[in-house]
Amino acid sequence: MSDNQHGNPSLVLNKIDDLSFEDLSIPQIKEPTDVIVEVKKTGICGSDIHYYAHGKIGQFVLRKPMVMGHESSGVVSKVGPSVKHLKAGDRVTIEPGVPSRYSDAYKSGKYELCPCMSFAATPPTNPEDETAQGTLCKYYRAPADFLYKLPESVSLELGAMVEPLSVGVHAIKLVNLSFGENVVVFGAGPVGLLAASAAKVYGAQNVMVVDIFDDKLELAQEIGAATHVFNSKTGDYKDLIKAFGDVRPDVVLECSGAAACIKLSVQVVADGGRIAQIGNAGGDVPFPIIEFATREITLFGSFRYGYGDYATAIKILEQNYGRGKEHILVDFEKLITNRFPFDDAIKAYDTVRAGKGTVKCIIDGPK
């Protein structure tokens, strides 16, 4: 983590259930395209909580202390000599995953699949590789082409939500959602609600959000992301279709990772429909392969986001807020249920981990 003099307050995960505040080194410009960002807002993601509680996600295992955070926005502090599109004082959002510039995935435009991806606050799969430090700190170094200037109408808080919104945008692009199609979203967590919001902005005619918690379903309608909601504890797939106006959706965005919802996705989608699997299950799940095949359903695996997704997410927010809050289509800001100063960041993590009434939690950058 060393770079230069100390003065970079950071939230560090040392091991399972062990978060601490550390004063680390201030990063410096190393490459001519480097930018130093003073981080102002950081969201907490489900993956952050998973590392905090379990120390691993699949093949990504925490082996050494790691700065947390990857959903961040901030203000440019310094730029390298080759950076032309950004200057000190610009407000930016940070894309946290940087691929190898030499990988086939990067060269083909599918850099989210790069096997050498350095992703903020994510342990490497190879124990010998360096851990990519996160963004929940005062100063963060990033390559200029993975920073995006925020429009005037997009706040720094919304800038911190570009990352999870891009996850939904990526899935919608994969399924090639067309104007006027009908969409069902499983899971009313932050990613599910943002995916539903993106589908609405993309021109979906009807969007149903499915979950087992009524308060989350109420929020989906309150922010304008859902035209229909369904509590999956109240009925089966036939009841869901009936609640959607006796219409099967053209597209399903599965954001829960729950085995029951993965099965439901196949049961409810239209013949020849498309499913994007965004949520990750804890392991292998049963799958209705006969129905999937005989109804010619297409399933897309959707992982993070790729080229153009961040820019699209920013454009969605700009168009949504550009004419003033009285003209918004979706109230993204209502997804922010909790705000904490940096000094209370550990409390913020414990609050999200407890899972009581939180949707999106935002932490201020260090003073």
Protein backbone atom coordinates (compact mmCIF):
# COMPACT_ATOMS: atom_id res chain seq x y z
CA MET A 1 0.00 0.00 0.00
CA SER A 2 3.03 2.32 0.24
CA ASP A 3 3.36 5.29 -2.08
CA ASN A 4 4.46 8.41 -0.27
CA GLN A 5 3.83 10.23 3.00
CA HIS A 6 0.89 9.25 5.18
CA GLY A 7 -2.30 11.30 5.14
CA ASN A 8 -4.72 8.96 3.40
CA PRO A 9 -7.37 7.84 5.93
CA SER A 10 -8.81 4.51 4.76
CA LEU A 11 -11.23 1.82 5.92
CA VAL A 12 -9.38 -1.51 5.89
CA LEU A 13 -10.72 -5.06 6.15
CA ASN A 14 -8.02 -7.02 7.98
CA LYS A 15 -9.87 -10.33 8.24
CA ILE A 16 -13.41 -11.62 8.77
CA ASP A 17 -15.31 -9.31 11.16
CA ASP A 18 -12.30 -7.02 11.54
CA LEU A 19 -12.55 -3.53 10.03
CA SER A 20 -10.25 -0.71 11.11
CA PHE A 21 -9.35 2.85 10.19
CA GLU A 22 -5.78 3.18 8.92
CA ASP A 23 -3.70 6.18 7.86
CA LEU A 24 -2.08 4.95 4.66
CA SER A 25 0.21 6.55 2.12
CA ILE A 26 -1.07 9.16 -0.31
CA PRO A 27 -0.93 7.71 -3.84
CA GLN A 28 1.17 9.59 -6.37
CA ILE A 29 1.12 9.95 -10.15
CA LYS A 30 3.11 7.02 -11.58
CA GLU A 31 1.96 6.83 -15.19
CA PRO A 32 1.34 9.86 -17.44
CA THR A 33 -2.35 8.90 -17.67
CA ASP A 34 -2.85 8.56 -13.90
CA VAL A 35 -5.31 10.70 -11.97
CA ILE A 36 -5.55 11.23 -8.21
CA VAL A 37 -9.14 11.54 -7.01
CA GLU A 38 -10.23 12.91 -3.65
CA VAL A 39 -13.06 10.53 -2.84
CA LYS A 40 -16.26 12.23 -1.66
CA LYS A 41 -19.00 9.56 -1.69
CA THR A 42 -18.87 5.76 -1.50
CA GLY A 43 -21.72 3.25 -1.57
CA ILE A 44 -21.72 -0.09 0.20
CA CYS A 45 -22.25 -3.12 -2.04
CA GLY A 46 -23.43 -6.59 -1.13
CA SER A 47 -20.01 -7.95 -2.09
CA ASP A 48 -18.39 -5.64 0.51
CA ILE A 49 -20.59 -7.18 3.19
CA HIS A 50 -19.82 -10.68 1.94
CA TYR A 51 -16.06 -10.12 2.33
CA TYR A 52 -16.66 -8.56 5.76
CA ALA A 53 -18.76 -11.51 6.95
CA HIS A 54 -17.15 -14.44 5.12
CA GLY A 55 -13.75 -13.30 3.83
CA LYS A 56 -14.36 -14.61 0.33
CA ILE A 57 -16.65 -14.75 -2.67
CA GLY A 58 -16.06 -17.89 -4.69
CA GLN A 59 -12.46 -17.91 -5.89
CA PHE A 60 -11.77 -14.41 -4.53
CA VAL A 61 -10.32 -15.03 -1.05
CA LEU A 62 -9.11 -12.34 1.37
CA ARG A 63 -5.53 -13.19 2.33
CA LYS A 64 -4.17 -9.80 3.37
CA PRO A 65 -5.59 -6.44 4.55
CA MET A 66 -7.63 -4.64 1.89
CA VAL A 67 -9.07 -1.12 1.63
CA MET A 68 -12.82 -1.44 1.16
CA GLY A 69 -15.18 0.24 -1.33
CA HIS A 70 -15.69 0.29 -5.09
CA GLU A 71 -18.82 2.43 -5.66
CA SER A 72 -17.33 5.92 -5.50
CA SER A 73 -17.32 9.44 -6.83
CA GLY A 74 -15.07 12.36 -6.03
CA VAL A 75 -13.17 15.41 -7.18
CA VAL A 76 -9.99 15.33 -9.25
CA SER A 77 -6.97 16.37 -7.19
CA LYS A 78 -4.08 15.84 -9.64
CA VAL A 79 -3.70 14.65 -13.24
CA GLY A 80 -0.79 13.10 -15.10
CA PRO A 81 0.87 15.00 -17.97
CA SER A 82 -0.96 13.04 -20.69
CA VAL A 83 -4.47 13.58 -19.28
CA LYS A 84 -6.39 16.05 -21.43
CA HIS A 85 -10.10 15.51 -20.69
CA LEU A 86 -9.89 16.03 -16.92
CA LYS A 87 -8.46 18.72 -14.66
CA ALA A 88 -8.19 19.42 -10.94
CA GLY A 89 -11.62 20.25 -9.52
CA ASP A 90 -13.65 18.13 -11.95
CA ARG A 91 -16.32 15.92 -10.36
CA VAL A 92 -15.97 12.31 -11.49
CA THR A 93 -17.28 8.82 -10.92
CA ILE A 94 -14.79 5.96 -10.71
CA GLU A 95 -15.08 2.74 -12.72
CA PRO A 96 -13.34 0.37 -10.30
CA GLY A 97 -12.26 -2.48 -12.59
CA VAL A 98 -9.20 -2.02 -14.80
CA PRO A 99 -8.33 -4.86 -17.21
CA SER A 100 -5.00 -5.79 -18.69
CA ARG A 101 -4.48 -3.65 -21.78
CA TYR A 102 -2.93 -6.68 -23.48
CA SER A 103 -5.71 -9.21 -22.92
CA ASP A 104 -7.89 -10.54 -25.72
CA ALA A 105 -10.95 -9.62 -23.66
CA TYR A 106 -9.87 -5.98 -23.51
CA LYS A 107 -8.99 -5.83 -27.20
CA SER A 108 -12.32 -7.39 -28.20
CA GLY A 109 -14.35 -4.90 -26.16
CA LYS A 110 -15.37 -7.46 -23.51
CA TYR A 111 -12.96 -6.30 -20.85
CA GLU A 112 -15.28 -7.37 -18.00
CA LEU A 113 -14.12 -10.92 -18.85
CA CYS A 114 -10.40 -10.11 -18.57
CA PRO A 115 -8.72 -12.83 -16.44
CA CYS A 116 -6.21 -10.25 -15.18
CA MET A 117 -8.78 -7.67 -14.08
CA SER A 118 -7.68 -5.49 -11.18
CA PHE A 119 -10.95 -4.67 -9.41
CA ALA A 120 -11.07 -2.33 -6.42
CA ALA A 121 -11.61 -4.05 -3.06
CA THR A 122 -11.47 -7.51 -4.62
CA PRO A 123 -8.77 -10.04 -3.67
CA PRO A 124 -6.84 -11.60 -6.57
CA THR A 125 -7.46 -15.21 -7.53
CA ASN A 126 -3.69 -15.77 -7.55
CA PRO A 127 -2.31 -15.45 -4.00
CA GLU A 128 0.95 -14.07 -5.41
CA ASP A 129 -0.75 -11.12 -7.10
CA GLU A 130 -1.17 -7.75 -5.44
CA THR A 131 -4.55 -7.00 -3.86
CA ALA A 132 -6.41 -4.17 -5.60
CA GLN A 133 -7.12 -1.58 -2.92
CA GLY A 134 -10.57 -0.08 -2.64
CA THR A 135 -11.92 3.44 -2.89
CA LEU A 136 -13.09 4.05 0.70
CA CYS A 137 -10.19 6.38 1.40
CA LYS A 138 -9.34 10.06 1.01
CA TYR A 139 -7.18 9.75 -2.11
CA TYR A 140 -7.43 7.13 -4.84
CA ARG A 141 -5.34 6.67 -7.99
CA ALA A 142 -7.05 5.59 -11.21
CA PRO A 143 -6.27 5.63 -14.94
CA ALA A 144 -7.91 8.59 -16.65
CA ASP A 145 -9.93 6.49 -19.09
CA PHE A 146 -11.73 4.77 -16.19
CA LEU A 147 -12.91 8.08 -14.76
CA TYR A 148 -16.03 9.82 -16.05
CA LYS A 149 -16.86 13.48 -15.60
CA LEU A 150 -20.25 14.02 -13.99
CA PRO A 151 -22.78 16.37 -15.62
CA GLU A 152 -23.96 19.32 -13.55
CA SER A 153 -27.36 17.69 -12.95
CA VAL A 154 -25.80 14.56 -11.41
CA SER A 155 -24.80 14.89 -7.76
CA LEU A 156 -21.80 13.19 -6.18
CA GLU A 157 -24.22 10.87 -4.34
CA LEU A 158 -25.77 9.82 -7.64
CA GLY A 159 -22.24 9.54 -9.02
CA ALA A 160 -21.55 6.85 -6.43
CA MET A 161 -24.58 4.93 -7.76
CA VAL A 162 -23.32 4.82 -11.35
CA GLU A 163 -21.47 1.57 -10.59
CA PRO A 164 -24.50 -0.52 -9.54
CA LEU A 165 -26.67 1.17 -12.19
CA SER A 166 -24.13 0.07 -14.81
CA VAL A 167 -24.72 -3.55 -13.76
CA GLY A 168 -28.35 -3.20 -14.82
CA VAL A 169 -27.44 -1.33 -17.99
CA HIS A 170 -25.05 -4.12 -18.98
CA ALA A 171 -27.75 -6.78 -18.59
CA ILE A 172 -30.29 -4.73 -20.55
CA LYS A 173 -27.82 -4.36 -23.41
CA LEU A 174 -27.12 -8.10 -23.37
CA VAL A 175 -30.81 -8.98 -23.76
CA ASN A 176 -31.23 -6.20 -26.35
CA LEU A 177 -34.31 -4.75 -24.66
CA SER A 178 -36.60 -3.06 -27.17
CA PHE A 179 -38.99 -0.16 -26.64
CA GLY A 180 -42.41 -1.36 -25.47
CA GLU A 181 -41.34 -4.78 -24.21
CA ASN A 182 -42.43 -6.12 -20.83
CA VAL A 183 -39.88 -6.88 -18.11
CA VAL A 184 -39.92 -8.78 -14.81
CA VAL A 185 -37.12 -8.19 -12.29
CA PHE A 186 -36.46 -10.69 -9.51
CA GLY A 187 -34.91 -9.16 -6.40
CA ALA A 188 -35.61 -5.70 -4.98
CA GLY A 189 -32.17 -5.04 -3.57
CA PRO A 190 -30.11 -2.10 -4.89
CA VAL A 191 -29.08 -3.87 -8.11
CA GLY A 192 -32.61 -5.13 -8.79
CA LEU A 193 -34.21 -1.73 -8.21
CA LEU A 194 -31.59 -0.02 -10.35
CA ALA A 195 -32.01 -2.64 -13.10
CA ALA A 196 -35.77 -2.09 -13.03
CA SER A 197 -35.20 1.67 -13.17
CA ALA A 198 -32.90 1.29 -16.15
CA ALA A 199 -35.46 -0.90 -17.94
CA LYS A 200 -38.10 1.76 -17.36
CA VAL A 201 -35.86 4.49 -18.76
CA TYR A 202 -34.98 2.24 -21.72
CA GLY A 203 -38.65 2.24 -22.70
CA ALA A 204 -40.07 -0.95 -21.22
CA GLN A 205 -43.87 -0.77 -21.32
CA ASN A 206 -44.42 -2.58 -18.03
CA VAL A 207 -41.90 -3.49 -15.33
CA MET A 208 -42.75 -5.88 -12.51
CA VAL A 209 -40.46 -6.19 -9.48
CA VAL A 210 -40.65 -9.44 -7.48
CA ASP A 211 -39.43 -9.88 -3.91
CA ILE A 212 -40.49 -11.36 -0.57
CA PHE A 213 -40.47 -8.07 1.35
CA ASP A 214 -43.43 -5.73 0.93
CA ASP A 215 -41.48 -2.62 1.99
CA LYS A 216 -39.02 -3.12 -0.86
CA LEU A 217 -41.86 -3.63 -3.32
CA GLU A 218 -43.51 -0.44 -2.09
CA LEU A 219 -40.24 1.42 -2.65
CA ALA A 220 -40.01 0.05 -6.21
CA GLN A 221 -43.34 1.68 -7.01
CA GLU A 222 -42.64 4.81 -5.00
CA ILE A 223 -39.50 5.66 -6.96
CA GLY A 224 -41.21 4.96 -10.28
CA ALA A 225 -39.20 1.86 -11.21
CA ALA A 226 -42.13 -0.60 -11.23
CA THR A 227 -45.57 -0.55 -12.79
CA HIS A 228 -46.37 -3.86 -11.06
CA VAL A 229 -45.05 -5.69 -7.98
CA PHE A 230 -45.47 -9.24 -6.72
CA ASN A 231 -44.60 -10.86 -3.40
CA SER A 232 -43.42 -14.33 -4.37
CA LYS A 233 -44.50 -15.74 -0.99
CA THR A 234 -48.13 -15.14 -1.96
CA GLY A 235 -48.35 -17.42 -4.99
CA ASP A 236 -46.68 -19.40 -7.76
CA TYR A 237 -45.68 -18.49 -11.31
CA LYS A 238 -49.30 -18.64 -12.52
CA ASP A 239 -50.28 -16.05 -9.92
CA LEU A 240 -47.35 -13.88 -10.97
CA ILE A 241 -48.42 -13.95 -14.62
CA LYS A 242 -51.99 -13.10 -13.60
CA ALA A 243 -50.75 -10.16 -11.51
CA PHE A 244 -48.86 -8.93 -14.59
CA GLY A 245 -52.12 -8.67 -16.53
CA ASP A 246 -52.03 -12.25 -17.85
CA VAL A 247 -48.91 -11.32 -19.82
CA ARG A 248 -45.62 -13.21 -19.87
CA PRO A 249 -42.60 -10.88 -19.91
CA ASP A 250 -40.37 -10.66 -22.96
CA VAL A 251 -37.38 -10.20 -20.67
CA VAL A 252 -36.50 -11.33 -17.14
CA LEU A 253 -33.68 -9.72 -15.16
CA GLU A 254 -32.83 -12.16 -12.37
CA CYS A 255 -31.01 -10.20 -9.65
CA SER A 256 -31.57 -12.34 -6.56
CA GLY A 257 -29.45 -15.42 -7.22
CA ALA A 258 -32.08 -17.46 -5.33
CA ALA A 259 -32.69 -20.94 -6.75
CA ALA A 260 -36.47 -20.49 -6.55
CA CYS A 261 -36.30 -17.25 -8.54
CA ILE A 262 -34.04 -18.76 -11.18
CA LYS A 263 -36.64 -21.49 -11.70
CA LEU A 264 -39.44 -18.89 -11.72
CA SER A 265 -37.61 -16.92 -14.39
CA VAL A 266 -37.92 -19.83 -16.81
CA GLN A 267 -41.52 -20.52 -15.83
CA VAL A 268 -42.80 -16.97 -16.35
CA VAL A 269 -40.83 -15.69 -19.36
CA ALA A 270 -42.52 -15.65 -22.77
CA ASP A 271 -41.84 -18.38 -25.32
CA GLY A 272 -38.64 -17.36 -27.07
CA GLY A 273 -37.98 -14.84 -24.29
CA ARG A 274 -34.67 -13.73 -22.81
CA ILE A 275 -33.31 -14.00 -19.29
CA ALA A 276 -30.29 -12.15 -17.92
CA GLN A 277 -28.80 -13.87 -14.88
CA ILE A 278 -27.27 -11.06 -12.79
CA GLY A 279 -27.55 -12.46 -9.26
CA ASN A 280 -25.09 -15.07 -8.05
CA ALA A 281 -26.20 -18.10 -6.06
CA GLY A 282 -24.07 -19.62 -3.32
CA GLY A 283 -23.47 -22.70 -5.44
CA ASP A 284 -25.03 -24.89 -8.11
CA VAL A 285 -28.82 -24.73 -8.43
CA PRO A 286 -31.44 -27.00 -10.07
CA PHE A 287 -32.50 -25.78 -13.50
CA PRO A 288 -35.65 -26.64 -15.54
CA ILE A 289 -33.68 -27.56 -18.64
CA ILE A 290 -36.52 -29.26 -20.57
CA GLU A 291 -38.82 -26.24 -20.36
CA PHE A 292 -35.89 -23.95 -21.11
CA ALA A 293 -35.02 -25.86 -24.28
CA THR A 294 -38.48 -26.67 -25.63
CA ARG A 295 -39.66 -23.06 -25.26
CA GLU A 296 -36.48 -21.72 -26.91
CA ILE A 297 -35.59 -19.41 -24.06
CA THR A 298 -32.27 -17.59 -24.25
CA LEU A 299 -30.21 -17.21 -21.07
CA PHE A 300 -27.46 -14.59 -20.76
CA GLY A 301 -24.89 -14.61 -18.01
CA SER A 302 -24.35 -10.99 -16.98
CA PHE A 303 -21.15 -10.05 -15.13
CA ARG A 304 -20.48 -6.53 -13.87
CA TYR A 305 -20.33 -4.14 -16.85
CA GLY A 306 -18.26 -3.48 -19.94
CA TYR A 307 -17.41 -0.91 -22.55
CA GLY A 308 -19.94 1.92 -22.77
CA ASP A 309 -22.05 0.85 -19.79
CA TYR A 310 -20.76 3.55 -17.43
CA ALA A 311 -21.30 6.24 -20.06
CA THR A 312 -24.86 4.98 -20.64
CA ALA A 313 -25.62 4.94 -16.90
CA ILE A 314 -24.42 8.54 -16.56
CA LYS A 315 -26.54 9.56 -19.55
CA ILE A 316 -29.60 7.94 -17.90
CA LEU A 317 -29.03 10.00 -14.76
CA GLU A 318 -28.35 13.17 -16.73
CA GLN A 319 -31.53 12.86 -18.79
CA ASN A 320 -33.53 11.92 -15.70
CA TYR A 321 -32.43 14.96 -13.67
CA GLY A 322 -31.45 17.40 -16.41
CA ARG A 323 -34.83 19.18 -16.54
CA GLY A 324 -35.23 19.41 -12.78
CA LYS A 325 -36.58 17.04 -10.14
CA GLU A 326 -40.18 17.87 -10.98
CA HIS A 327 -39.70 16.16 -14.37
CA ILE A 328 -37.87 12.99 -13.28
CA LEU A 329 -39.06 9.58 -14.49
CA VAL A 330 -37.37 7.60 -11.70
CA ASP A 331 -36.43 8.99 -8.27
CA PHE A 332 -33.03 7.31 -7.91
CA GLU A 333 -32.17 9.43 -4.85
CA LYS A 334 -34.91 7.71 -2.80
CA LEU A 335 -32.86 4.52 -2.98
CA ILE A 336 -30.38 6.14 -0.59
CA THR A 337 -31.81 5.14 2.79
CA ASN A 338 -28.75 5.73 4.99
CA ARG A 339 -25.95 8.31 5.04
CA PHE A 340 -22.88 8.19 7.29
CA PRO A 341 -19.77 10.33 7.84
CA PHE A 342 -16.47 8.55 7.21
CA ASP A 343 -15.77 8.28 10.95
CA ASP A 344 -18.90 6.10 11.24
CA ALA A 345 -18.00 3.85 8.30
CA ILE A 346 -17.74 0.72 10.45
CA LYS A 347 -21.19 1.48 11.87
CA ALA A 348 -22.41 1.87 8.28
CA TYR A 349 -21.11 -1.59 7.38
CA ASP A 350 -22.73 -3.11 10.45
CA THR A 351 -26.02 -1.37 9.61
CA VAL A 352 -26.06 -2.77 6.07
CA ARG A 353 -24.99 -6.18 7.33
CA ALA A 354 -27.95 -6.21 9.75
CA GLY A 355 -30.19 -5.62 6.73
CA LYS A 356 -33.00 -3.80 8.50
CA GLY A 357 -34.60 -1.23 6.22
CA THR A 358 -31.48 -0.37 4.26
CA VAL A 359 -31.37 -0.21 0.47
CA LYS A 360 -28.39 1.92 -0.48
CA CYS A 361 -25.99 3.30 2.13
CA ILE A 362 -23.64 6.17 1.23
CA ILE A 363 -20.50 7.07 3.23
CA ASP A 364 -18.88 10.50 2.99
CA GLY A 365 -15.20 10.70 2.14
CA PRO A 366 -12.71 11.53 4.91
CA LYS A 367 -12.46 15.20 5.86
